[in-house]
């Protein structure tokens, strides 16, 4: 006996049919995380730690001595390369710290810090709130030694803003500074 009824054959179900149900929510979640961090930090490249900005002026505070560097002077290129390398390797964030008053005076008069002045505000990319600013300062040895890291601060209009990035190392900056000091 023949039948004109089609026989039902179930389609193949398995991982291939589940995959779109997993990929789409994962993509949506990753996109949401990206946009939330980008909006709160005001930095769409927050995930890219590379830093290759060029200051117009560098001031080195070295235990009571002050050294000024401008483009074209001996040691300027080496210091820019060292600073950019070390900033690219930041590894933490201290929200409430900012050099002001006696803390700033200590770095200038007795400590070790590098101040960088840029022609326009520069962005250090980080997942933390660290908006662009025209001045950066790397506090290497001084009032904030208790945090065990050199700290990168941002400033504008003669004022240093709260929130410092912890730098993983400042070895290249120390070497560039030593070369500048020994040449003077």
N, C-alpha and C. Protein backbone atom coordinates (compact mmCIF):
# COMPACT_ATOMS: atom_id res chain seq x y z
N UNK A 1 0.83 -1.15 0.00
CA UNK A 1 0.00 0.00 0.00
C UNK A 1 0.89 1.23 0.00
N UNK A 2 0.65 2.06 -0.93
CA UNK A 2 1.43 3.28 -1.04
C UNK A 2 0.66 4.43 -0.45
N UNK A 3 1.41 5.35 0.07
CA UNK A 3 0.78 6.49 0.70
C UNK A 3 1.28 7.76 0.03
N UNK A 4 0.37 8.67 -0.12
CA UNK A 4 0.74 9.96 -0.69
C UNK A 4 1.20 10.95 0.38
N UNK A 5 1.24 10.48 1.60
CA UNK A 5 1.66 11.37 2.69
C UNK A 5 3.18 11.44 2.76
N UNK A 6 3.67 12.62 2.91
CA UNK A 6 5.12 12.78 3.07
C UNK A 6 5.53 12.30 4.45
N UNK A 7 6.65 11.72 4.49
CA UNK A 7 7.15 11.26 5.78
C UNK A 7 7.93 12.38 6.44
N UNK A 8 7.69 12.60 7.69
CA UNK A 8 8.38 13.64 8.47
C UNK A 8 9.76 13.14 8.84
N UNK A 9 10.74 13.92 8.46
CA UNK A 9 12.11 13.62 8.86
C UNK A 9 12.63 14.82 9.64
N UNK A 10 12.87 14.66 10.89
CA UNK A 10 13.34 15.80 11.68
C UNK A 10 14.68 16.30 11.15
N UNK A 11 14.84 17.64 11.14
CA UNK A 11 16.10 18.25 10.70
C UNK A 11 17.18 18.03 11.75
N UNK A 12 18.35 18.22 11.32
CA UNK A 12 19.45 18.04 12.26
C UNK A 12 19.49 19.21 13.23
N UNK A 13 19.40 18.91 14.45
CA UNK A 13 19.50 19.92 15.50
C UNK A 13 20.77 19.62 16.27
N UNK A 14 21.39 20.63 16.76
CA UNK A 14 22.61 20.43 17.51
C UNK A 14 23.34 21.74 17.70
N UNK A 15 24.63 21.64 17.83
CA UNK A 15 25.46 22.80 18.14
C UNK A 15 25.34 23.90 17.09
N UNK A 16 25.22 23.54 15.83
CA UNK A 16 25.14 24.54 14.76
C UNK A 16 23.91 25.43 14.91
N UNK A 17 22.85 24.91 15.50
CA UNK A 17 21.64 25.72 15.69
C UNK A 17 21.69 26.51 17.00
N UNK A 18 22.51 26.09 17.94
CA UNK A 18 22.63 26.79 19.21
C UNK A 18 23.62 27.95 19.08
N UNK A 19 24.61 27.79 18.23
CA UNK A 19 25.68 28.77 18.08
C UNK A 19 25.19 30.20 17.86
N UNK A 20 24.26 30.47 16.93
CA UNK A 20 23.78 31.85 16.78
C UNK A 20 23.15 32.39 18.05
N UNK A 21 22.52 31.55 18.82
CA UNK A 21 21.92 31.98 20.07
C UNK A 21 22.95 32.35 21.13
N UNK A 22 24.16 31.89 20.99
CA UNK A 22 25.23 32.24 21.92
C UNK A 22 26.06 33.41 21.42
N UNK A 23 26.30 33.45 20.12
CA UNK A 23 27.15 34.49 19.55
C UNK A 23 26.50 35.87 19.63
N UNK A 24 25.26 35.97 19.29
CA UNK A 24 24.59 37.27 19.26
C UNK A 24 24.57 37.91 20.65
N UNK A 25 24.16 37.20 21.71
CA UNK A 25 24.21 37.84 23.04
C UNK A 25 25.65 38.20 23.46
N UNK A 26 26.62 37.39 23.09
CA UNK A 26 28.01 37.71 23.43
C UNK A 26 28.45 38.99 22.73
N UNK A 27 28.11 39.15 21.47
CA UNK A 27 28.47 40.36 20.73
C UNK A 27 27.78 41.58 21.33
N UNK A 28 26.52 41.44 21.69
CA UNK A 28 25.78 42.54 22.30
C UNK A 28 26.41 42.93 23.63
N UNK A 29 26.81 41.94 24.43
CA UNK A 29 27.43 42.22 25.73
C UNK A 29 28.78 42.91 25.56
N UNK A 30 29.60 42.45 24.64
CA UNK A 30 30.90 43.07 24.39
C UNK A 30 30.71 44.50 23.90
N UNK A 31 29.78 44.72 23.01
CA UNK A 31 29.51 46.07 22.49
C UNK A 31 29.02 46.99 23.62
N UNK A 32 28.16 46.47 24.49
CA UNK A 32 27.65 47.27 25.61
C UNK A 32 28.79 47.67 26.54
N UNK A 33 29.67 46.74 26.86
CA UNK A 33 30.82 47.05 27.73
C UNK A 33 31.70 48.11 27.07
N UNK A 34 32.00 47.93 25.79
CA UNK A 34 32.84 48.89 25.08
C UNK A 34 32.22 50.28 25.14
N UNK A 35 30.93 50.42 24.81
CA UNK A 35 30.30 51.73 24.75
C UNK A 35 30.15 52.37 26.13
N UNK A 36 29.88 51.60 27.15
CA UNK A 36 29.77 52.15 28.50
C UNK A 36 31.12 52.72 28.95
N UNK A 37 32.19 51.95 28.75
CA UNK A 37 33.52 52.43 29.14
C UNK A 37 33.93 53.63 28.28
N UNK A 38 33.67 53.58 26.99
CA UNK A 38 34.03 54.69 26.09
C UNK A 38 33.28 55.97 26.47
N UNK A 39 32.02 55.86 26.81
CA UNK A 39 31.24 57.05 27.18
C UNK A 39 31.66 57.60 28.54
N UNK A 40 31.87 56.74 29.52
CA UNK A 40 32.24 57.24 30.85
C UNK A 40 33.65 57.80 30.86
N UNK A 41 34.53 57.30 30.04
CA UNK A 41 35.91 57.80 29.98
C UNK A 41 36.10 58.90 28.96
N UNK A 42 35.13 59.09 28.11
CA UNK A 42 35.24 60.06 27.00
C UNK A 42 36.40 59.70 26.09
N UNK A 43 36.62 58.40 25.90
CA UNK A 43 37.74 57.93 25.10
C UNK A 43 37.36 56.67 24.33
N UNK A 44 37.07 56.79 23.03
CA UNK A 44 36.68 55.62 22.25
C UNK A 44 37.81 54.60 22.05
N UNK A 45 39.05 54.99 22.33
CA UNK A 45 40.17 54.05 22.19
C UNK A 45 40.71 53.61 23.54
N UNK A 46 39.86 53.54 24.56
CA UNK A 46 40.29 53.22 25.92
C UNK A 46 41.06 51.91 26.03
N UNK A 47 40.87 51.00 25.12
CA UNK A 47 41.50 49.68 25.17
C UNK A 47 42.92 49.69 24.60
N UNK A 48 43.31 50.76 23.92
CA UNK A 48 44.61 50.86 23.25
C UNK A 48 45.57 51.64 24.15
N UNK A 49 46.52 50.97 24.78
CA UNK A 49 47.40 51.65 25.73
C UNK A 49 48.57 52.37 25.07
N UNK A 50 48.71 52.28 23.77
CA UNK A 50 49.82 52.95 23.10
C UNK A 50 49.77 54.46 23.35
N UNK A 51 50.93 55.05 23.55
CA UNK A 51 51.02 56.50 23.75
C UNK A 51 52.22 56.99 22.96
N UNK A 52 51.98 57.90 22.02
CA UNK A 52 53.08 58.40 21.19
C UNK A 52 53.00 59.91 20.94
N UNK A 53 52.56 60.62 21.96
CA UNK A 53 52.44 62.08 21.84
C UNK A 53 53.81 62.74 22.03
N UNK A 54 53.91 63.95 21.51
CA UNK A 54 55.18 64.68 21.56
C UNK A 54 54.99 66.00 22.30
N UNK A 55 55.66 66.16 23.45
CA UNK A 55 55.52 67.43 24.18
C UNK A 55 56.30 68.55 23.50
N UNK A 56 55.93 69.77 23.82
CA UNK A 56 56.68 70.92 23.33
C UNK A 56 57.77 71.31 24.32
N UNK A 57 57.60 70.90 25.58
CA UNK A 57 58.50 71.30 26.64
C UNK A 57 58.53 70.21 27.71
N UNK A 58 59.71 69.93 28.23
CA UNK A 58 59.87 68.96 29.33
C UNK A 58 60.63 69.64 30.45
N UNK A 59 60.12 69.49 31.65
CA UNK A 59 60.78 70.03 32.83
C UNK A 59 61.07 68.85 33.76
N UNK A 60 62.33 68.72 34.16
CA UNK A 60 62.74 67.63 35.04
C UNK A 60 63.08 68.24 36.41
N UNK A 61 62.36 67.79 37.43
CA UNK A 61 62.65 68.18 38.81
C UNK A 61 63.44 67.01 39.42
N UNK A 62 64.69 67.25 39.73
CA UNK A 62 65.56 66.16 40.18
C UNK A 62 66.25 66.55 41.49
N UNK A 63 65.60 66.28 42.61
CA UNK A 63 66.16 66.48 43.94
C UNK A 63 66.74 67.88 44.13
N UNK A 64 65.96 68.88 43.80
CA UNK A 64 66.35 70.27 43.99
C UNK A 64 66.86 70.97 42.75
N UNK A 65 67.25 70.21 41.74
CA UNK A 65 67.69 70.81 40.47
C UNK A 65 66.55 70.74 39.46
N UNK A 66 66.50 71.73 38.58
CA UNK A 66 65.48 71.76 37.54
C UNK A 66 66.18 71.83 36.20
N UNK A 67 65.79 70.94 35.30
CA UNK A 67 66.34 70.90 33.94
C UNK A 67 65.20 71.13 32.97
N UNK A 68 65.40 72.04 32.03
CA UNK A 68 64.39 72.37 31.03
C UNK A 68 64.86 71.83 29.68
N UNK A 69 63.95 71.16 28.97
CA UNK A 69 64.28 70.62 27.64
C UNK A 69 63.23 71.05 26.64
N UNK A 70 63.70 71.42 25.47
CA UNK A 70 62.80 71.70 24.35
C UNK A 70 63.26 70.90 23.16
N UNK A 71 62.39 70.78 22.19
CA UNK A 71 62.69 70.02 20.98
C UNK A 71 63.99 70.51 20.36
N UNK A 72 64.84 69.56 20.00
CA UNK A 72 66.11 69.88 19.38
C UNK A 72 67.28 69.89 20.34
N UNK A 73 67.01 69.97 21.63
CA UNK A 73 68.08 69.96 22.62
C UNK A 73 68.55 68.52 22.88
N UNK A 74 69.81 68.36 23.27
CA UNK A 74 70.31 67.01 23.59
C UNK A 74 69.48 66.36 24.70
N UNK A 75 69.11 65.13 24.47
CA UNK A 75 68.35 64.36 25.45
C UNK A 75 66.85 64.43 25.28
N UNK A 76 66.36 65.39 24.48
CA UNK A 76 64.91 65.56 24.33
C UNK A 76 64.28 64.31 23.69
N UNK A 77 64.83 63.86 22.59
CA UNK A 77 64.26 62.70 21.88
C UNK A 77 64.28 61.45 22.76
N UNK A 78 65.38 61.25 23.48
CA UNK A 78 65.50 60.09 24.36
C UNK A 78 64.48 60.14 25.48
N UNK A 79 64.27 61.34 26.04
CA UNK A 79 63.29 61.49 27.12
C UNK A 79 61.88 61.25 26.60
N UNK A 80 61.55 61.78 25.43
CA UNK A 80 60.22 61.56 24.85
C UNK A 80 59.98 60.07 24.63
N UNK A 81 60.96 59.38 24.07
CA UNK A 81 60.83 57.93 23.83
C UNK A 81 60.65 57.17 25.14
N UNK A 82 61.42 57.55 26.17
CA UNK A 82 61.33 56.87 27.47
C UNK A 82 59.97 57.12 28.12
N UNK A 83 59.51 58.37 28.11
CA UNK A 83 58.22 58.71 28.71
C UNK A 83 57.09 57.98 27.99
N UNK A 84 57.08 58.02 26.67
CA UNK A 84 56.01 57.37 25.91
C UNK A 84 55.99 55.86 26.15
N UNK A 85 57.16 55.26 26.25
CA UNK A 85 57.24 53.82 26.51
C UNK A 85 56.66 53.48 27.88
N UNK A 86 57.03 54.25 28.90
CA UNK A 86 56.57 53.96 30.26
C UNK A 86 55.08 54.27 30.43
N UNK A 87 54.58 55.34 29.81
CA UNK A 87 53.16 55.65 29.91
C UNK A 87 52.33 54.55 29.25
N UNK A 88 52.83 53.97 28.18
CA UNK A 88 52.10 52.90 27.49
C UNK A 88 51.93 51.65 28.34
N UNK A 89 52.67 51.56 29.43
CA UNK A 89 52.61 50.36 30.26
C UNK A 89 52.02 50.63 31.64
N UNK A 90 51.05 51.55 31.72
CA UNK A 90 50.43 51.81 33.02
C UNK A 90 49.64 50.59 33.47
N UNK A 91 49.49 50.46 34.79
CA UNK A 91 48.88 49.24 35.29
C UNK A 91 47.89 49.42 36.42
N UNK A 92 47.50 50.60 36.76
CA UNK A 92 46.53 50.80 37.83
C UNK A 92 46.10 52.24 37.89
N UNK A 93 45.22 52.54 38.84
CA UNK A 93 44.64 53.87 38.93
C UNK A 93 44.39 54.22 40.39
N UNK A 94 44.79 55.41 40.79
CA UNK A 94 44.53 55.92 42.13
C UNK A 94 43.62 57.13 41.97
N UNK A 95 42.37 56.95 42.33
CA UNK A 95 41.34 57.94 42.04
C UNK A 95 41.49 59.27 42.79
N UNK A 96 41.85 59.25 44.04
CA UNK A 96 41.77 60.47 44.85
C UNK A 96 43.07 61.26 44.96
N UNK A 97 44.15 60.80 44.37
CA UNK A 97 45.42 61.49 44.52
C UNK A 97 45.60 62.59 43.48
N UNK A 98 46.16 63.71 43.91
CA UNK A 98 46.51 64.81 43.00
C UNK A 98 47.58 65.65 43.67
N UNK A 99 48.63 66.02 42.94
CA UNK A 99 49.67 66.86 43.55
C UNK A 99 49.19 68.30 43.70
N UNK A 100 49.07 68.75 44.94
CA UNK A 100 48.67 70.13 45.23
C UNK A 100 49.49 70.63 46.41
N UNK A 101 49.60 71.93 46.53
CA UNK A 101 50.23 72.56 47.69
C UNK A 101 51.58 71.98 48.05
N UNK A 102 51.68 71.50 49.29
CA UNK A 102 52.97 71.02 49.80
C UNK A 102 53.43 69.75 49.08
N UNK A 103 52.48 68.94 48.62
CA UNK A 103 52.86 67.74 47.88
C UNK A 103 53.58 68.12 46.59
N UNK A 104 53.02 69.07 45.86
CA UNK A 104 53.64 69.54 44.62
C UNK A 104 54.98 70.22 44.91
N UNK A 105 55.02 71.04 45.96
CA UNK A 105 56.27 71.72 46.33
C UNK A 105 57.36 70.70 46.67
N UNK A 106 56.97 69.61 47.32
CA UNK A 106 57.95 68.57 47.66
C UNK A 106 58.57 67.97 46.39
N UNK A 107 57.74 67.67 45.39
CA UNK A 107 58.27 67.12 44.14
C UNK A 107 59.18 68.12 43.45
N UNK A 108 58.79 69.39 43.44
CA UNK A 108 59.56 70.42 42.75
C UNK A 108 60.88 70.71 43.48
N UNK A 109 60.84 70.80 44.81
CA UNK A 109 62.01 71.23 45.58
C UNK A 109 62.92 70.09 46.04
N UNK A 110 62.35 68.91 46.33
CA UNK A 110 63.14 67.85 46.95
C UNK A 110 63.01 66.49 46.26
N UNK A 111 62.01 66.32 45.43
CA UNK A 111 61.75 65.00 44.86
C UNK A 111 62.24 64.85 43.44
N UNK A 112 61.62 63.91 42.76
CA UNK A 112 61.99 63.60 41.37
C UNK A 112 60.69 63.46 40.59
N UNK A 113 60.50 64.35 39.63
CA UNK A 113 59.29 64.33 38.80
C UNK A 113 59.62 64.86 37.41
N UNK A 114 58.83 64.44 36.46
CA UNK A 114 58.96 64.90 35.08
C UNK A 114 57.65 65.59 34.71
N UNK A 115 57.73 66.83 34.26
CA UNK A 115 56.55 67.57 33.82
C UNK A 115 56.61 67.72 32.30
N UNK A 116 55.52 67.40 31.64
CA UNK A 116 55.45 67.46 30.18
C UNK A 116 54.36 68.43 29.76
N UNK A 117 54.70 69.34 28.86
CA UNK A 117 53.75 70.33 28.36
C UNK A 117 53.51 70.05 26.88
N UNK A 118 52.24 69.96 26.51
CA UNK A 118 51.85 69.65 25.13
C UNK A 118 51.14 70.84 24.51
N UNK A 119 51.20 70.94 23.20
CA UNK A 119 50.55 72.06 22.49
C UNK A 119 49.03 71.97 22.56
N UNK A 120 48.52 70.76 22.71
CA UNK A 120 47.08 70.55 22.81
C UNK A 120 46.84 69.43 23.82
N UNK A 121 45.63 69.29 24.32
CA UNK A 121 45.37 68.20 25.27
C UNK A 121 45.66 66.83 24.64
N UNK A 122 46.30 65.97 25.42
CA UNK A 122 46.63 64.62 24.96
C UNK A 122 45.85 63.59 25.78
N UNK A 123 45.53 62.50 25.14
CA UNK A 123 44.76 61.44 25.77
C UNK A 123 45.65 60.24 26.08
N UNK A 124 45.66 59.84 27.33
CA UNK A 124 46.29 58.59 27.72
C UNK A 124 45.15 57.58 27.77
N UNK A 125 45.21 56.58 26.94
CA UNK A 125 44.13 55.61 26.84
C UNK A 125 44.16 54.64 28.02
N UNK A 126 43.03 54.54 28.70
CA UNK A 126 42.89 53.68 29.87
C UNK A 126 41.42 53.38 30.09
N UNK A 127 41.14 52.30 30.79
CA UNK A 127 39.75 51.98 31.09
C UNK A 127 39.23 52.81 32.26
N UNK A 128 40.11 53.59 32.88
CA UNK A 128 39.74 54.45 34.00
C UNK A 128 39.45 55.87 33.49
N UNK A 129 38.76 56.65 34.31
CA UNK A 129 38.42 58.02 33.94
C UNK A 129 39.68 58.87 33.98
N UNK A 130 40.20 59.21 32.82
CA UNK A 130 41.44 59.96 32.70
C UNK A 130 41.37 60.81 31.43
N UNK A 131 40.52 61.85 31.42
CA UNK A 131 40.32 62.66 30.20
C UNK A 131 41.60 63.37 29.73
N UNK A 132 41.57 63.79 28.50
CA UNK A 132 42.70 64.47 27.88
C UNK A 132 43.04 65.75 28.64
N UNK A 133 44.33 66.08 28.65
CA UNK A 133 44.82 67.30 29.30
C UNK A 133 46.09 67.76 28.60
N UNK A 134 46.42 69.05 28.67
CA UNK A 134 47.61 69.57 28.00
C UNK A 134 48.91 69.40 28.78
N UNK A 135 48.82 68.98 30.05
CA UNK A 135 50.01 68.80 30.87
C UNK A 135 49.96 67.43 31.53
N UNK A 136 51.12 66.78 31.60
CA UNK A 136 51.25 65.52 32.33
C UNK A 136 52.43 65.65 33.29
N UNK A 137 52.32 64.98 34.42
CA UNK A 137 53.44 64.94 35.36
C UNK A 137 53.61 63.51 35.84
N UNK A 138 54.85 63.04 35.79
CA UNK A 138 55.19 61.73 36.31
C UNK A 138 55.90 61.95 37.64
N UNK A 139 55.22 61.61 38.72
CA UNK A 139 55.76 61.75 40.07
C UNK A 139 56.53 60.47 40.40
N UNK A 140 57.84 60.55 40.38
CA UNK A 140 58.68 59.36 40.51
C UNK A 140 59.11 59.10 41.95
N UNK A 141 59.64 60.12 42.62
CA UNK A 141 60.12 59.93 43.98
C UNK A 141 59.74 61.15 44.80
N UNK A 142 58.92 60.94 45.82
CA UNK A 142 58.48 62.05 46.65
C UNK A 142 57.31 61.68 47.53
N UNK A 143 56.35 62.55 47.64
CA UNK A 143 55.25 62.41 48.59
C UNK A 143 54.40 61.16 48.43
N UNK A 144 54.26 60.63 47.24
CA UNK A 144 53.38 59.48 47.03
C UNK A 144 54.14 58.15 46.99
N UNK A 145 55.32 58.09 47.58
CA UNK A 145 56.09 56.85 47.58
C UNK A 145 55.35 55.68 48.22
N UNK A 146 54.43 55.96 49.13
CA UNK A 146 53.72 54.89 49.82
C UNK A 146 52.87 54.03 48.88
N UNK A 147 52.54 54.51 47.69
CA UNK A 147 51.74 53.69 46.78
C UNK A 147 52.60 52.69 46.00
N UNK A 148 53.90 52.79 46.11
CA UNK A 148 54.86 51.85 45.52
C UNK A 148 54.95 51.91 43.99
N UNK A 149 54.37 52.92 43.37
CA UNK A 149 54.46 53.11 41.93
C UNK A 149 54.74 54.57 41.64
N UNK A 150 55.39 54.83 40.54
CA UNK A 150 55.45 56.20 40.03
C UNK A 150 54.05 56.49 39.48
N UNK A 151 53.59 57.72 39.66
CA UNK A 151 52.23 58.07 39.25
C UNK A 151 52.24 59.10 38.13
N UNK A 152 51.30 58.94 37.22
CA UNK A 152 51.11 59.88 36.12
C UNK A 152 49.87 60.71 36.41
N UNK A 153 50.06 62.03 36.49
CA UNK A 153 48.95 62.95 36.72
C UNK A 153 48.73 63.80 35.47
N UNK A 154 47.54 64.32 35.34
CA UNK A 154 47.21 65.23 34.24
C UNK A 154 46.83 66.57 34.82
N UNK A 155 47.11 67.63 34.07
CA UNK A 155 46.82 68.96 34.56
C UNK A 155 46.42 69.90 33.45
N UNK A 156 45.82 71.00 33.89
CA UNK A 156 45.46 72.07 32.95
C UNK A 156 45.29 73.36 33.74
N UNK A 157 45.57 74.47 33.12
CA UNK A 157 45.40 75.79 33.73
C UNK A 157 46.09 75.89 35.08
N UNK A 158 47.34 75.46 35.16
CA UNK A 158 48.14 75.56 36.38
C UNK A 158 47.60 74.72 37.54
N UNK A 159 46.76 73.75 37.27
CA UNK A 159 46.16 72.92 38.31
C UNK A 159 46.29 71.45 37.92
N UNK A 160 46.69 70.62 38.89
CA UNK A 160 46.77 69.18 38.67
C UNK A 160 45.46 68.55 39.09
N UNK A 161 44.95 67.67 38.26
CA UNK A 161 43.64 67.09 38.47
C UNK A 161 43.73 65.77 39.23
N UNK A 162 42.67 65.41 39.97
CA UNK A 162 42.71 64.16 40.73
C UNK A 162 42.69 62.93 39.84
N UNK A 163 43.28 61.89 40.34
CA UNK A 163 43.34 60.62 39.62
C UNK A 163 44.70 60.43 39.00
N UNK A 164 45.43 59.43 39.46
CA UNK A 164 46.76 59.16 38.93
C UNK A 164 46.87 57.74 38.42
N UNK A 165 47.53 57.58 37.30
CA UNK A 165 47.79 56.25 36.76
C UNK A 165 49.10 55.72 37.33
N UNK A 166 49.09 54.47 37.76
CA UNK A 166 50.31 53.83 38.25
C UNK A 166 51.10 53.31 37.06
N UNK A 167 52.37 53.67 37.01
CA UNK A 167 53.23 53.21 35.93
C UNK A 167 53.97 51.96 36.38
N UNK A 168 54.00 50.98 35.51
CA UNK A 168 54.64 49.70 35.85
C UNK A 168 56.13 49.87 36.10
N UNK A 169 56.77 50.80 35.40
CA UNK A 169 58.20 51.00 35.52
C UNK A 169 58.54 52.42 35.10
N UNK A 170 59.62 52.92 35.63
CA UNK A 170 60.16 54.21 35.17
C UNK A 170 61.67 54.07 34.91
N UNK A 171 62.11 52.87 34.68
CA UNK A 171 63.53 52.61 34.46
C UNK A 171 64.09 53.38 33.26
N UNK A 172 63.35 53.40 32.16
CA UNK A 172 63.82 54.13 30.97
C UNK A 172 63.88 55.64 31.24
N UNK A 173 62.92 56.15 32.00
CA UNK A 173 62.91 57.57 32.34
C UNK A 173 64.12 57.91 33.23
N UNK A 174 64.39 57.04 34.20
CA UNK A 174 65.56 57.26 35.07
C UNK A 174 66.86 57.27 34.25
N UNK A 175 66.98 56.34 33.31
CA UNK A 175 68.18 56.27 32.47
C UNK A 175 68.31 57.51 31.59
N UNK A 176 67.20 57.96 31.00
CA UNK A 176 67.24 59.17 30.16
C UNK A 176 67.57 60.40 31.00
N UNK A 177 67.03 60.46 32.22
CA UNK A 177 67.32 61.57 33.12
C UNK A 177 68.79 61.58 33.51
N UNK A 178 69.31 60.41 33.86
CA UNK A 178 70.74 60.32 34.21
C UNK A 178 71.62 60.80 33.06
N UNK A 179 71.29 60.44 31.84
CA UNK A 179 72.07 60.88 30.68
C UNK A 179 72.03 62.40 30.53
N UNK A 180 70.88 63.00 30.76
CA UNK A 180 70.74 64.46 30.66
C UNK A 180 71.55 65.14 31.76
N UNK A 181 71.44 64.64 32.98
CA UNK A 181 72.16 65.24 34.10
C UNK A 181 73.67 65.11 33.90
N UNK A 182 74.12 63.96 33.45
CA UNK A 182 75.55 63.75 33.26
C UNK A 182 76.12 64.56 32.10
N UNK A 183 75.28 64.99 31.17
CA UNK A 183 75.77 65.80 30.05
C UNK A 183 75.82 67.29 30.40
N UNK A 184 75.20 67.67 31.51
CA UNK A 184 75.20 69.09 31.91
C UNK A 184 76.29 69.40 32.90
